[in-house]
């Protein structure tokens, strides 16, 4: 087991490192919460999703699930007139306003859906063989239809915003990583493990930042942002725990050599 240099520090210095590590851990937790608040709902869906990250760095443009189903000729029993009416509705800027429009009467989207879709997608259909569909994709009410009715287009962050964010975070997180890895090297943790943690944390941080820029042109780079950022944060928190434990661990009293 390698010798711990941190345990040779005065008690006050070691306790100070523990307290500062706690501050950094709080900072990591706050940054994750800020990430959630900053990016969630970009895709107009609750919670932080991969599409939120994709929207921020690459942009997303998706077709309404209901529109996609209609264009695939689903349901095949729907008349051409009603299918066209629904497609025109989903392509209009008045999706919410015209959903149950009284002026349209039986041609209102709500009425067409009620007459042609609820046999499988209605809550009352749960007791039928088609009940599994109703459990996952009910279409009884506007609150059910709304998440499936809108096509989405989310523009990525501008290059100026991305450059400013990179400037701020690359310098601060790069410096923080050097300090944490340096302290980790002073612990009694085996050298191979220390090397692996430092390497993969640095690789994760680089993948995260590189992904920000590459994802503007290549959607797949979004995974580098998520995986790289996740690996980096996890290994940094692990390093803070190891450093703190090493600081407060009782000093060993090796026997004198004979």
Protein backbone atom coordinates (compact mmCIF):
# COMPACT_ATOMS: atom_id res chain seq x y z
CA UNK A 1 0.00 0.00 0.00
CA UNK A 2 1.50 3.40 -0.97
CA UNK A 3 2.31 5.84 1.79
CA UNK A 4 -0.22 8.63 2.42
CA UNK A 5 1.27 12.10 2.37
CA UNK A 6 -2.03 13.68 3.39
CA UNK A 7 -1.94 11.95 6.78
CA UNK A 8 1.30 13.75 7.57
CA UNK A 9 -0.41 17.13 7.40
CA UNK A 10 -1.44 18.90 10.64
CA UNK A 11 -4.91 18.03 11.91
CA UNK A 12 -6.25 21.49 11.09
CA UNK A 13 -5.05 21.26 7.48
CA UNK A 14 -6.58 17.80 7.04
CA UNK A 15 -9.91 18.92 8.48
CA UNK A 16 -9.80 21.97 6.22
CA UNK A 17 -9.40 19.68 3.20
CA UNK A 18 -12.39 17.63 4.33
CA UNK A 19 -14.52 20.77 4.68
CA UNK A 20 -13.41 22.08 1.28
CA UNK A 21 -14.19 18.71 -0.28
CA UNK A 22 -17.66 18.98 1.20
CA UNK A 23 -18.00 22.43 -0.39
CA UNK A 24 -16.95 20.98 -3.76
CA UNK A 25 -19.42 18.10 -3.38
CA UNK A 26 -22.20 20.61 -2.72
CA UNK A 27 -21.05 22.48 -5.83
CA UNK A 28 -21.27 19.34 -7.96
CA UNK A 29 -24.77 18.63 -6.63
CA UNK A 30 -25.83 22.22 -7.33
CA UNK A 31 -24.41 22.08 -10.85
CA UNK A 32 -26.40 18.93 -11.61
CA UNK A 33 -29.58 20.56 -10.34
CA UNK A 34 -28.83 23.68 -12.37
CA UNK A 35 -28.29 21.50 -15.44
CA UNK A 36 -31.72 19.95 -14.90
CA UNK A 37 -33.46 23.30 -14.43
CA UNK A 38 -31.62 24.92 -17.34
CA UNK A 39 -32.23 22.21 -19.94
CA UNK A 40 -35.47 20.47 -18.95
CA UNK A 41 -38.61 21.05 -21.01
CA UNK A 42 -36.68 22.08 -24.12
CA UNK A 43 -38.51 19.19 -25.74
CA UNK A 44 -41.78 20.32 -24.12
CA UNK A 45 -41.87 17.19 -21.97
CA UNK A 46 -41.53 17.08 -18.18
CA UNK A 47 -38.18 16.23 -16.65
CA UNK A 48 -34.67 16.18 -18.09
CA UNK A 49 -34.42 13.86 -21.10
CA UNK A 50 -31.81 13.05 -23.72
CA UNK A 51 -33.81 15.17 -26.16
CA UNK A 52 -33.33 18.17 -23.86
CA UNK A 53 -29.54 17.77 -24.14
CA UNK A 54 -29.81 17.08 -27.86
CA UNK A 55 -31.93 20.19 -28.29
CA UNK A 56 -29.39 22.38 -26.48
CA UNK A 57 -26.35 21.27 -28.47
CA UNK A 58 -27.66 19.88 -31.76
CA UNK A 59 -31.25 20.99 -32.08
CA UNK A 60 -34.20 18.70 -32.63
CA UNK A 61 -37.03 18.55 -35.10
CA UNK A 62 -39.57 15.80 -34.59
CA UNK A 63 -42.94 15.02 -36.11
CA UNK A 64 -46.05 14.69 -33.97
CA UNK A 65 -46.55 11.00 -33.05
CA UNK A 66 -50.22 11.24 -34.07
CA UNK A 67 -49.25 12.78 -37.41
CA UNK A 68 -46.67 10.05 -38.00
CA UNK A 69 -49.28 7.38 -37.28
CA UNK A 70 -51.76 8.98 -39.67
CA UNK A 71 -49.14 9.21 -42.41
CA UNK A 72 -48.47 5.48 -41.92
CA UNK A 73 -52.16 4.90 -42.68
CA UNK A 74 -53.03 4.12 -39.05
CA UNK A 75 -55.77 3.34 -38.33
CA UNK A 76 -56.51 1.79 -41.71
CA UNK A 77 -60.26 2.08 -41.06
CA UNK A 78 -60.14 5.89 -40.96
CA UNK A 79 -61.82 7.53 -43.96
CA UNK A 80 -59.67 9.68 -46.29
CA UNK A 81 -61.77 12.73 -45.40
CA UNK A 82 -61.24 12.34 -41.67
CA UNK A 83 -57.55 11.52 -42.13
CA UNK A 84 -57.05 14.70 -44.15
CA UNK A 85 -58.97 16.71 -41.55
CA UNK A 86 -56.68 15.45 -38.77
CA UNK A 87 -53.52 16.03 -40.81
CA UNK A 88 -54.62 19.56 -41.67
CA UNK A 89 -55.35 20.19 -37.99
CA UNK A 90 -51.93 18.90 -36.90
CA UNK A 91 -50.23 21.11 -39.51
CA UNK A 92 -52.08 24.24 -38.46
CA UNK A 93 -50.99 26.80 -35.83
CA UNK A 94 -54.29 26.29 -33.94
CA UNK A 95 -53.86 22.75 -32.66
CA UNK A 96 -55.03 23.51 -29.13
CA UNK A 97 -57.76 25.97 -30.15
CA UNK A 98 -59.37 23.74 -32.80
CA UNK A 99 -59.14 20.42 -30.93
CA UNK A 100 -62.77 20.49 -29.80
CA UNK A 101 -64.01 23.44 -31.84
CA UNK A 102 -67.81 23.74 -31.74
CA UNK A 103 -67.76 25.39 -35.16
CA UNK A 104 -66.45 22.20 -36.76
CA UNK A 105 -69.13 19.97 -35.26
CA UNK A 106 -68.51 16.30 -36.05
CA UNK A 107 -65.44 17.30 -38.07
CA UNK A 108 -63.68 18.57 -34.94
CA UNK A 109 -60.52 16.57 -34.20
CA UNK A 110 -61.85 15.55 -30.79
CA UNK A 111 -64.96 14.05 -32.41
CA UNK A 112 -62.98 12.24 -35.10
CA UNK A 113 -60.63 10.76 -32.50
CA UNK A 114 -63.55 9.81 -30.27
CA UNK A 115 -65.33 8.02 -33.11
CA UNK A 116 -62.33 6.28 -34.67
CA UNK A 117 -59.60 5.81 -32.07
CA UNK A 118 -61.08 5.20 -28.62
CA UNK A 119 -62.02 1.60 -29.33
CA UNK A 120 -58.32 0.88 -28.76
CA UNK A 121 -56.99 4.08 -27.18
CA UNK A 122 -59.85 4.84 -24.78
CA UNK A 123 -59.68 4.14 -21.08
CA UNK A 124 -62.87 2.12 -21.37
CA UNK A 125 -60.99 -0.26 -23.68
CA UNK A 126 -58.70 -1.45 -20.88
CA UNK A 127 -60.93 -4.45 -20.26
CA UNK A 128 -60.70 -5.51 -23.92
CA UNK A 129 -57.88 -7.34 -25.75
CA UNK A 130 -56.68 -3.93 -26.94
CA UNK A 131 -56.42 -2.72 -23.36
CA UNK A 132 -52.62 -2.62 -23.30
CA UNK A 133 -52.66 0.13 -25.93
CA UNK A 134 -55.09 2.19 -23.86
CA UNK A 135 -52.80 1.91 -20.82
CA UNK A 136 -49.78 3.33 -22.62
CA UNK A 137 -51.38 5.72 -25.14
CA UNK A 138 -54.85 6.87 -24.02
CA UNK A 139 -56.52 9.51 -26.20
CA UNK A 140 -59.71 10.28 -24.25
CA UNK A 141 -58.95 13.88 -23.30
CA UNK A 142 -56.95 16.86 -24.52
CA UNK A 143 -54.37 16.29 -21.78
CA UNK A 144 -53.78 12.85 -23.32
CA UNK A 145 -53.63 14.13 -26.89
CA UNK A 146 -51.56 17.27 -26.26
CA UNK A 147 -48.12 15.61 -25.79
CA UNK A 148 -48.67 13.64 -29.00
CA UNK A 149 -50.13 16.38 -31.18
CA UNK A 150 -47.29 18.87 -31.56
CA UNK A 151 -44.32 18.62 -33.87
CA UNK A 152 -41.26 20.08 -32.20
CA UNK A 153 -38.38 22.22 -33.44
CA UNK A 154 -35.75 23.26 -30.92
CA UNK A 155 -32.80 25.40 -31.99
CA UNK A 156 -29.39 24.72 -30.39
CA UNK A 157 -27.51 27.28 -28.34
CA UNK A 158 -25.82 29.94 -30.45
CA UNK A 159 -22.09 29.69 -31.14
CA UNK A 160 -21.48 32.80 -29.00
CA UNK A 161 -23.27 31.26 -26.02
CA UNK A 162 -21.40 27.99 -26.51
CA UNK A 163 -18.04 29.77 -26.70
CA UNK A 164 -18.74 31.75 -23.53
CA UNK A 165 -19.81 28.61 -21.68
CA UNK A 166 -16.75 26.69 -22.89
CA UNK A 167 -14.44 29.55 -21.85
CA UNK A 168 -15.90 29.62 -18.35
CA UNK A 169 -16.25 25.91 -17.67
CA UNK A 170 -13.13 24.57 -19.41
CA UNK A 171 -10.79 26.79 -17.41
CA UNK A 172 -12.53 26.32 -14.06
CA UNK A 173 -13.19 22.58 -14.33
CA UNK A 174 -9.77 21.92 -15.84
CA UNK A 175 -8.10 23.67 -12.90
CA UNK A 176 -10.35 21.91 -10.39
CA UNK A 177 -9.53 18.53 -11.94
CA UNK A 178 -5.78 19.18 -11.70
CA UNK A 179 -6.14 20.02 -8.00
CA UNK A 180 -8.35 17.04 -7.18
CA UNK A 181 -6.15 14.61 -9.12
CA UNK A 182 -3.09 16.07 -7.41
CA UNK A 183 -4.61 15.50 -3.97
CA UNK A 184 -5.68 12.01 -4.99
CA UNK A 185 -2.06 11.23 -5.86
CA UNK A 186 -1.13 12.07 -2.24
CA UNK A 187 -3.48 9.45 -0.78
CA UNK A 188 -2.67 5.85 0.09
CA UNK A 189 -4.84 4.57 -2.76
CA UNK A 190 -2.94 2.12 -5.03
CA UNK A 191 -1.16 3.96 -7.85
CA UNK A 192 -2.90 2.04 -10.64
CA UNK A 193 -6.31 2.98 -9.29
CA UNK A 194 -5.25 6.60 -8.88
CA UNK A 195 -3.98 6.64 -12.44
CA UNK A 196 -7.16 5.09 -13.80
CA UNK A 197 -9.40 7.57 -11.94
CA UNK A 198 -7.37 10.57 -13.10
CA UNK A 199 -7.21 9.33 -16.69
CA UNK A 200 -10.88 8.50 -17.10
CA UNK A 201 -12.02 11.65 -15.31
CA UNK A 202 -9.89 13.75 -17.66
CA UNK A 203 -11.08 11.77 -20.68
CA UNK A 204 -14.70 12.22 -19.60
CA UNK A 205 -14.24 15.97 -19.20
CA UNK A 206 -12.62 16.24 -22.63
CA UNK A 207 -15.39 14.14 -24.21
CA UNK A 208 -18.00 16.37 -22.59
CA UNK A 209 -16.51 19.61 -23.93
CA UNK A 210 -15.68 18.16 -27.35
CA UNK A 211 -19.22 16.82 -27.57
CA UNK A 212 -20.65 20.32 -27.11
CA UNK A 213 -19.08 21.41 -30.39
CA UNK A 214 -19.18 18.20 -32.40
CA UNK A 215 -22.87 17.69 -31.58
CA UNK A 216 -23.74 20.83 -33.55
CA UNK A 217 -23.10 18.82 -36.72
CA UNK A 218 -23.31 15.20 -35.53
CA UNK A 219 -26.22 14.14 -33.36
CA UNK A 220 -24.36 11.06 -32.04
CA UNK A 221 -21.95 13.33 -30.15
CA UNK A 222 -24.79 14.01 -27.72
CA UNK A 223 -23.95 10.65 -26.14
CA UNK A 224 -20.36 11.84 -25.58
CA UNK A 225 -21.77 14.79 -23.62
CA UNK A 226 -23.97 12.59 -21.44
CA UNK A 227 -21.53 9.71 -20.91
CA UNK A 228 -18.42 11.89 -20.61
CA UNK A 229 -20.10 14.30 -18.20
CA UNK A 230 -21.53 11.44 -16.15
CA UNK A 231 -18.18 9.65 -15.86
CA UNK A 232 -16.39 12.88 -14.96
CA UNK A 233 -18.83 13.88 -12.22
CA UNK A 234 -18.94 10.37 -10.74
CA UNK A 235 -15.15 10.05 -10.59
CA UNK A 236 -14.71 13.55 -9.17
CA UNK A 237 -17.16 12.81 -6.35
CA UNK A 238 -15.45 9.45 -5.74
CA UNK A 239 -12.09 11.24 -5.57
CA UNK A 240 -13.42 13.74 -3.03
CA UNK A 241 -14.65 10.87 -0.86
CA UNK A 242 -11.30 9.04 -1.07
CA UNK A 243 -9.35 12.21 -0.23
CA UNK A 244 -11.61 12.99 2.73
CA UNK A 245 -11.38 9.46 4.12
CA UNK A 246 -7.61 9.50 3.72
CA UNK A 247 -7.40 12.78 5.65
CA UNK A 248 -9.29 11.49 8.69
CA UNK A 249 -8.08 7.89 8.68
CA UNK A 250 -6.12 7.02 11.81
CA UNK A 251 -2.39 7.13 11.24
CA UNK A 252 -0.72 3.77 11.08
CA UNK A 253 2.01 2.88 13.54
CA UNK A 254 4.39 0.60 11.68
CA UNK A 255 6.66 -1.55 13.80
CA UNK A 256 10.30 -0.71 13.77
CA UNK A 257 12.35 -2.88 11.49
CA UNK A 258 14.40 -5.48 13.29
